[in-house]
Amino acid sequence: MALTACLPDPPPRNLPTLPAILDITPAPTLDIDATATAYASAPRPTPTVAALYIVQAGDTLSAIAERFSVTVDELVAANNLTDPNFIQPGQTLLIPSLIGTPRPVLTPTP
């Protein structure tokens, strides 16, 4: 009995192959000084000031001052206003009497 090798038939045509492309990204080096510098120079959000008031239509500086127990001069100084008679609806004013005032803590009633 004779054994013959069984080879598969060759493909009808050769298929093209794409070259393998490896994208190697080096790991960052651990540079403590660069990390600290980057952290120190990163922008930090500023806290929201709870002492802001948005001017409504019909508001006057004297009415706002009376409402928040401050003087018109204090409002003018705190907001760098050049004309105390000219404020516009939508304008944001800093209220000096509210700066540093702790917010009341609400406790639920049983």
N, C-alpha and C. Protein backbone atom coordinates (compact mmCIF):
# COMPACT_ATOMS: atom_id res chain seq x y z
N MET A 1 0.81 -1.14 0.00
CA MET A 1 0.00 0.00 0.00
C MET A 1 0.88 1.24 0.00
N ALA A 2 0.52 2.13 -0.80
CA ALA A 2 1.32 3.34 -0.93
C ALA A 2 0.59 4.51 -0.31
N LEU A 3 1.31 5.27 0.46
CA LEU A 3 0.74 6.46 1.08
C LEU A 3 1.13 7.67 0.26
N THR A 4 0.18 8.46 -0.02
CA THR A 4 0.48 9.68 -0.75
C THR A 4 0.08 10.87 0.12
N ALA A 5 0.80 11.93 0.01
CA ALA A 5 0.53 13.13 0.81
C ALA A 5 -0.68 13.84 0.25
N CYS A 6 -1.53 14.26 1.12
CA CYS A 6 -2.73 14.99 0.70
C CYS A 6 -2.51 16.47 1.01
N LEU A 7 -2.25 17.23 0.03
CA LEU A 7 -2.07 18.67 0.20
C LEU A 7 -3.33 19.37 -0.27
N PRO A 8 -3.69 20.46 0.45
CA PRO A 8 -4.89 21.18 0.00
C PRO A 8 -4.61 21.88 -1.31
N ASP A 9 -5.65 22.10 -2.03
CA ASP A 9 -5.51 22.83 -3.29
C ASP A 9 -5.14 24.28 -2.97
N PRO A 10 -4.27 24.91 -3.75
CA PRO A 10 -3.91 26.31 -3.50
C PRO A 10 -5.13 27.21 -3.76
N PRO A 11 -5.18 28.38 -3.07
CA PRO A 11 -6.31 29.28 -3.31
C PRO A 11 -6.31 29.73 -4.76
N PRO A 12 -7.48 30.13 -5.25
CA PRO A 12 -7.56 30.52 -6.66
C PRO A 12 -6.71 31.75 -6.96
N ARG A 13 -6.51 32.64 -6.01
CA ARG A 13 -5.64 33.81 -6.21
C ARG A 13 -5.07 34.19 -4.85
N ASN A 14 -3.98 34.89 -4.85
CA ASN A 14 -3.36 35.32 -3.61
C ASN A 14 -4.07 36.57 -3.10
N LEU A 15 -4.44 36.56 -1.83
CA LEU A 15 -5.09 37.73 -1.23
C LEU A 15 -4.02 38.65 -0.64
N PRO A 16 -4.16 39.97 -0.86
CA PRO A 16 -3.15 40.88 -0.31
C PRO A 16 -3.30 40.97 1.21
N THR A 17 -2.22 41.17 1.87
CA THR A 17 -2.24 41.34 3.33
C THR A 17 -1.71 42.73 3.65
N LEU A 18 -2.27 43.29 4.70
CA LEU A 18 -1.81 44.62 5.11
C LEU A 18 -0.69 44.47 6.12
N PRO A 19 0.26 45.41 6.08
CA PRO A 19 1.33 45.32 7.06
C PRO A 19 0.79 45.65 8.45
N ALA A 20 1.32 45.04 9.44
CA ALA A 20 0.93 45.31 10.82
C ALA A 20 1.56 46.62 11.27
N ILE A 21 0.73 47.52 11.77
CA ILE A 21 1.23 48.81 12.25
C ILE A 21 1.01 48.85 13.75
N LEU A 22 2.06 49.03 14.47
CA LEU A 22 1.98 49.12 15.91
C LEU A 22 2.15 50.56 16.32
N ASP A 23 1.21 51.07 17.06
CA ASP A 23 1.30 52.44 17.57
C ASP A 23 1.71 52.36 19.03
N ILE A 24 2.97 52.61 19.28
CA ILE A 24 3.50 52.48 20.63
C ILE A 24 3.61 53.87 21.24
N THR A 25 2.95 54.04 22.36
CA THR A 25 3.02 55.30 23.09
C THR A 25 3.84 55.08 24.34
N PRO A 26 4.91 55.84 24.49
CA PRO A 26 5.72 55.63 25.69
C PRO A 26 4.97 56.08 26.94
N ALA A 27 5.20 55.40 28.02
CA ALA A 27 4.59 55.76 29.29
C ALA A 27 5.21 57.07 29.79
N PRO A 28 4.41 57.93 30.42
CA PRO A 28 4.98 59.18 30.92
C PRO A 28 5.96 58.90 32.05
N THR A 29 6.96 59.73 32.11
CA THR A 29 7.92 59.58 33.20
C THR A 29 7.36 60.23 34.44
N LEU A 30 7.76 59.76 35.57
CA LEU A 30 7.29 60.31 36.83
C LEU A 30 8.20 61.46 37.23
N ASP A 31 7.74 62.67 36.95
CA ASP A 31 8.51 63.87 37.29
C ASP A 31 7.70 64.64 38.32
N ILE A 32 8.07 64.53 39.58
CA ILE A 32 7.31 65.13 40.66
C ILE A 32 7.23 66.64 40.51
N ASP A 33 8.35 67.27 40.13
CA ASP A 33 8.35 68.73 39.99
C ASP A 33 7.40 69.19 38.90
N ALA A 34 7.38 68.49 37.76
CA ALA A 34 6.49 68.86 36.67
C ALA A 34 5.04 68.64 37.07
N THR A 35 4.78 67.57 37.80
CA THR A 35 3.42 67.29 38.24
C THR A 35 2.94 68.36 39.22
N ALA A 36 3.78 68.74 40.16
CA ALA A 36 3.41 69.76 41.13
C ALA A 36 3.19 71.11 40.45
N THR A 37 4.03 71.42 39.47
CA THR A 37 3.88 72.69 38.75
C THR A 37 2.57 72.70 37.97
N ALA A 38 2.27 71.60 37.31
CA ALA A 38 1.03 71.52 36.55
C ALA A 38 -0.17 71.63 37.47
N TYR A 39 -0.10 71.00 38.63
CA TYR A 39 -1.21 71.05 39.58
C TYR A 39 -1.38 72.47 40.14
N ALA A 40 -0.28 73.11 40.45
CA ALA A 40 -0.34 74.45 41.03
C ALA A 40 -0.85 75.47 40.03
N SER A 41 -0.56 75.26 38.75
CA SER A 41 -0.98 76.24 37.75
C SER A 41 -2.35 75.93 37.16
N ALA A 42 -2.97 74.82 37.56
CA ALA A 42 -4.30 74.47 37.06
C ALA A 42 -5.33 75.46 37.59
N PRO A 43 -6.23 75.91 36.73
CA PRO A 43 -7.26 76.86 37.20
C PRO A 43 -8.21 76.17 38.18
N ARG A 44 -8.57 76.90 39.19
CA ARG A 44 -9.51 76.40 40.18
C ARG A 44 -10.79 77.22 40.10
N PRO A 45 -11.92 76.58 40.22
CA PRO A 45 -13.16 77.35 40.18
C PRO A 45 -13.27 78.24 41.42
N THR A 46 -13.80 79.43 41.20
CA THR A 46 -14.00 80.33 42.33
C THR A 46 -15.33 80.01 42.99
N PRO A 47 -15.39 80.14 44.29
CA PRO A 47 -16.65 79.82 44.96
C PRO A 47 -17.73 80.83 44.57
N THR A 48 -18.94 80.37 44.53
CA THR A 48 -20.07 81.23 44.21
C THR A 48 -20.37 82.11 45.43
N VAL A 49 -20.49 83.38 45.18
CA VAL A 49 -20.77 84.31 46.26
C VAL A 49 -22.27 84.34 46.49
N ALA A 50 -22.66 84.08 47.73
CA ALA A 50 -24.09 84.07 48.07
C ALA A 50 -24.60 85.48 48.27
N ALA A 51 -23.73 86.47 48.21
CA ALA A 51 -24.11 87.85 48.47
C ALA A 51 -24.36 88.62 47.19
N LEU A 52 -24.89 87.97 46.18
CA LEU A 52 -25.18 88.64 44.92
C LEU A 52 -26.68 88.89 44.78
N TYR A 53 -27.00 90.02 44.19
CA TYR A 53 -28.40 90.36 43.92
C TYR A 53 -28.51 90.77 42.46
N ILE A 54 -29.50 90.24 41.77
CA ILE A 54 -29.77 90.60 40.38
C ILE A 54 -30.82 91.71 40.38
N VAL A 55 -30.45 92.83 39.79
CA VAL A 55 -31.35 93.99 39.75
C VAL A 55 -32.59 93.64 38.93
N GLN A 56 -33.75 93.94 39.48
CA GLN A 56 -35.03 93.71 38.82
C GLN A 56 -35.55 95.03 38.25
N ALA A 57 -36.47 94.95 37.30
CA ALA A 57 -37.09 96.16 36.73
C ALA A 57 -37.77 96.94 37.86
N GLY A 58 -37.54 98.23 37.92
CA GLY A 58 -38.14 99.08 38.95
C GLY A 58 -37.30 99.24 40.20
N ASP A 59 -36.21 98.47 40.33
CA ASP A 59 -35.33 98.61 41.49
C ASP A 59 -34.58 99.93 41.46
N THR A 60 -34.34 100.47 42.63
CA THR A 60 -33.44 101.62 42.78
C THR A 60 -32.36 101.21 43.77
N LEU A 61 -31.25 101.89 43.69
CA LEU A 61 -30.15 101.56 44.59
C LEU A 61 -30.53 101.82 46.04
N SER A 62 -31.30 102.88 46.27
CA SER A 62 -31.71 103.17 47.65
C SER A 62 -32.67 102.10 48.19
N ALA A 63 -33.57 101.59 47.34
CA ALA A 63 -34.48 100.53 47.77
C ALA A 63 -33.72 99.24 48.06
N ILE A 64 -32.73 98.93 47.22
CA ILE A 64 -31.92 97.73 47.44
C ILE A 64 -31.11 97.89 48.73
N ALA A 65 -30.56 99.08 48.95
CA ALA A 65 -29.79 99.34 50.17
C ALA A 65 -30.67 99.16 51.41
N GLU A 66 -31.87 99.68 51.35
CA GLU A 66 -32.78 99.55 52.49
C GLU A 66 -33.16 98.09 52.72
N ARG A 67 -33.40 97.38 51.63
CA ARG A 67 -33.82 95.98 51.73
C ARG A 67 -32.76 95.12 52.41
N PHE A 68 -31.47 95.42 52.15
CA PHE A 68 -30.38 94.60 52.69
C PHE A 68 -29.62 95.28 53.84
N SER A 69 -30.18 96.34 54.39
CA SER A 69 -29.60 97.05 55.54
C SER A 69 -28.17 97.51 55.30
N VAL A 70 -27.96 98.15 54.17
CA VAL A 70 -26.67 98.77 53.86
C VAL A 70 -26.94 100.18 53.37
N THR A 71 -25.91 100.97 53.27
CA THR A 71 -26.07 102.32 52.74
C THR A 71 -25.84 102.30 51.23
N VAL A 72 -26.34 103.33 50.59
CA VAL A 72 -26.13 103.47 49.14
C VAL A 72 -24.63 103.60 48.87
N ASP A 73 -23.92 104.33 49.74
CA ASP A 73 -22.47 104.50 49.56
C ASP A 73 -21.74 103.15 49.64
N GLU A 74 -22.18 102.27 50.53
CA GLU A 74 -21.56 100.95 50.62
C GLU A 74 -21.80 100.13 49.36
N LEU A 75 -23.00 100.22 48.80
CA LEU A 75 -23.29 99.53 47.54
C LEU A 75 -22.46 100.08 46.39
N VAL A 76 -22.35 101.41 46.34
CA VAL A 76 -21.57 102.05 45.29
C VAL A 76 -20.11 101.60 45.38
N ALA A 77 -19.55 101.60 46.59
CA ALA A 77 -18.15 101.21 46.77
C ALA A 77 -17.93 99.74 46.47
N ALA A 78 -18.81 98.87 46.92
CA ALA A 78 -18.64 97.43 46.73
C ALA A 78 -18.76 97.02 45.27
N ASN A 79 -19.49 97.81 44.48
CA ASN A 79 -19.74 97.45 43.09
C ASN A 79 -19.05 98.36 42.08
N ASN A 80 -18.21 99.27 42.59
CA ASN A 80 -17.47 100.21 41.71
C ASN A 80 -18.41 100.95 40.76
N LEU A 81 -19.53 101.42 41.29
CA LEU A 81 -20.49 102.14 40.46
C LEU A 81 -20.05 103.59 40.32
N THR A 82 -20.18 104.12 39.11
CA THR A 82 -19.83 105.52 38.89
C THR A 82 -21.03 106.43 39.06
N ASP A 83 -22.23 105.92 38.79
CA ASP A 83 -23.45 106.72 38.93
C ASP A 83 -24.46 105.91 39.73
N PRO A 84 -24.72 106.31 40.99
CA PRO A 84 -25.66 105.55 41.81
C PRO A 84 -27.10 105.60 41.30
N ASN A 85 -27.39 106.51 40.39
CA ASN A 85 -28.74 106.63 39.84
C ASN A 85 -28.93 105.76 38.59
N PHE A 86 -27.87 105.05 38.18
CA PHE A 86 -27.96 104.26 36.95
C PHE A 86 -27.62 102.80 37.24
N ILE A 87 -28.66 102.00 37.39
CA ILE A 87 -28.53 100.54 37.45
C ILE A 87 -29.53 99.97 36.46
N GLN A 88 -29.21 98.79 35.95
CA GLN A 88 -30.05 98.19 34.91
C GLN A 88 -30.59 96.84 35.36
N PRO A 89 -31.80 96.50 34.92
CA PRO A 89 -32.32 95.15 35.20
C PRO A 89 -31.37 94.10 34.65
N GLY A 90 -31.12 93.07 35.43
CA GLY A 90 -30.19 92.01 35.04
C GLY A 90 -28.78 92.25 35.55
N GLN A 91 -28.49 93.46 36.01
CA GLN A 91 -27.16 93.77 36.54
C GLN A 91 -26.97 93.04 37.88
N THR A 92 -25.78 92.53 38.11
CA THR A 92 -25.49 91.82 39.35
C THR A 92 -24.80 92.77 40.32
N LEU A 93 -25.32 92.83 41.53
CA LEU A 93 -24.74 93.68 42.56
C LEU A 93 -24.26 92.82 43.72
N LEU A 94 -23.11 93.17 44.26
CA LEU A 94 -22.58 92.54 45.45
C LEU A 94 -23.16 93.27 46.65
N ILE A 95 -23.77 92.52 47.56
CA ILE A 95 -24.39 93.11 48.75
C ILE A 95 -23.43 92.92 49.93
N PRO A 96 -22.78 93.99 50.40
CA PRO A 96 -21.77 93.85 51.44
C PRO A 96 -22.30 93.26 52.75
N SER A 97 -23.52 93.53 53.10
CA SER A 97 -24.04 93.03 54.37
C SER A 97 -24.24 91.53 54.37
N LEU A 98 -24.25 90.89 53.20
CA LEU A 98 -24.46 89.45 53.12
C LEU A 98 -23.16 88.65 53.03
N ILE A 99 -22.05 89.34 52.90
CA ILE A 99 -20.77 88.65 52.80
C ILE A 99 -20.41 88.07 54.16
N GLY A 100 -20.14 86.81 54.19
CA GLY A 100 -19.73 86.15 55.42
C GLY A 100 -20.87 85.82 56.35
N THR A 101 -22.09 86.09 55.94
CA THR A 101 -23.23 85.75 56.77
C THR A 101 -23.52 84.27 56.62
N PRO A 102 -23.50 83.51 57.71
CA PRO A 102 -23.78 82.08 57.58
C PRO A 102 -25.23 81.84 57.17
N ARG A 103 -25.42 80.84 56.37
CA ARG A 103 -26.77 80.49 55.94
C ARG A 103 -27.47 79.75 57.07
N PRO A 104 -28.76 80.00 57.26
CA PRO A 104 -29.46 79.28 58.32
C PRO A 104 -29.60 77.81 57.97
N VAL A 105 -29.46 76.98 58.95
CA VAL A 105 -29.61 75.55 58.75
C VAL A 105 -31.05 75.18 59.07
N LEU A 106 -31.71 74.58 58.10
CA LEU A 106 -33.11 74.20 58.29
C LEU A 106 -33.15 72.81 58.89
N THR A 107 -33.85 72.69 59.98
CA THR A 107 -34.04 71.39 60.58
C THR A 107 -35.48 70.95 60.41
N PRO A 108 -35.69 69.72 59.99
CA PRO A 108 -37.08 69.28 59.79
C PRO A 108 -37.79 69.16 61.12
N THR A 109 -39.05 69.55 61.09
CA THR A 109 -39.87 69.43 62.30
C THR A 109 -40.57 68.07 62.27
N PRO A 110 -40.62 67.41 63.41
CA PRO A 110 -41.24 66.07 63.43
C PRO A 110 -42.74 66.12 63.24
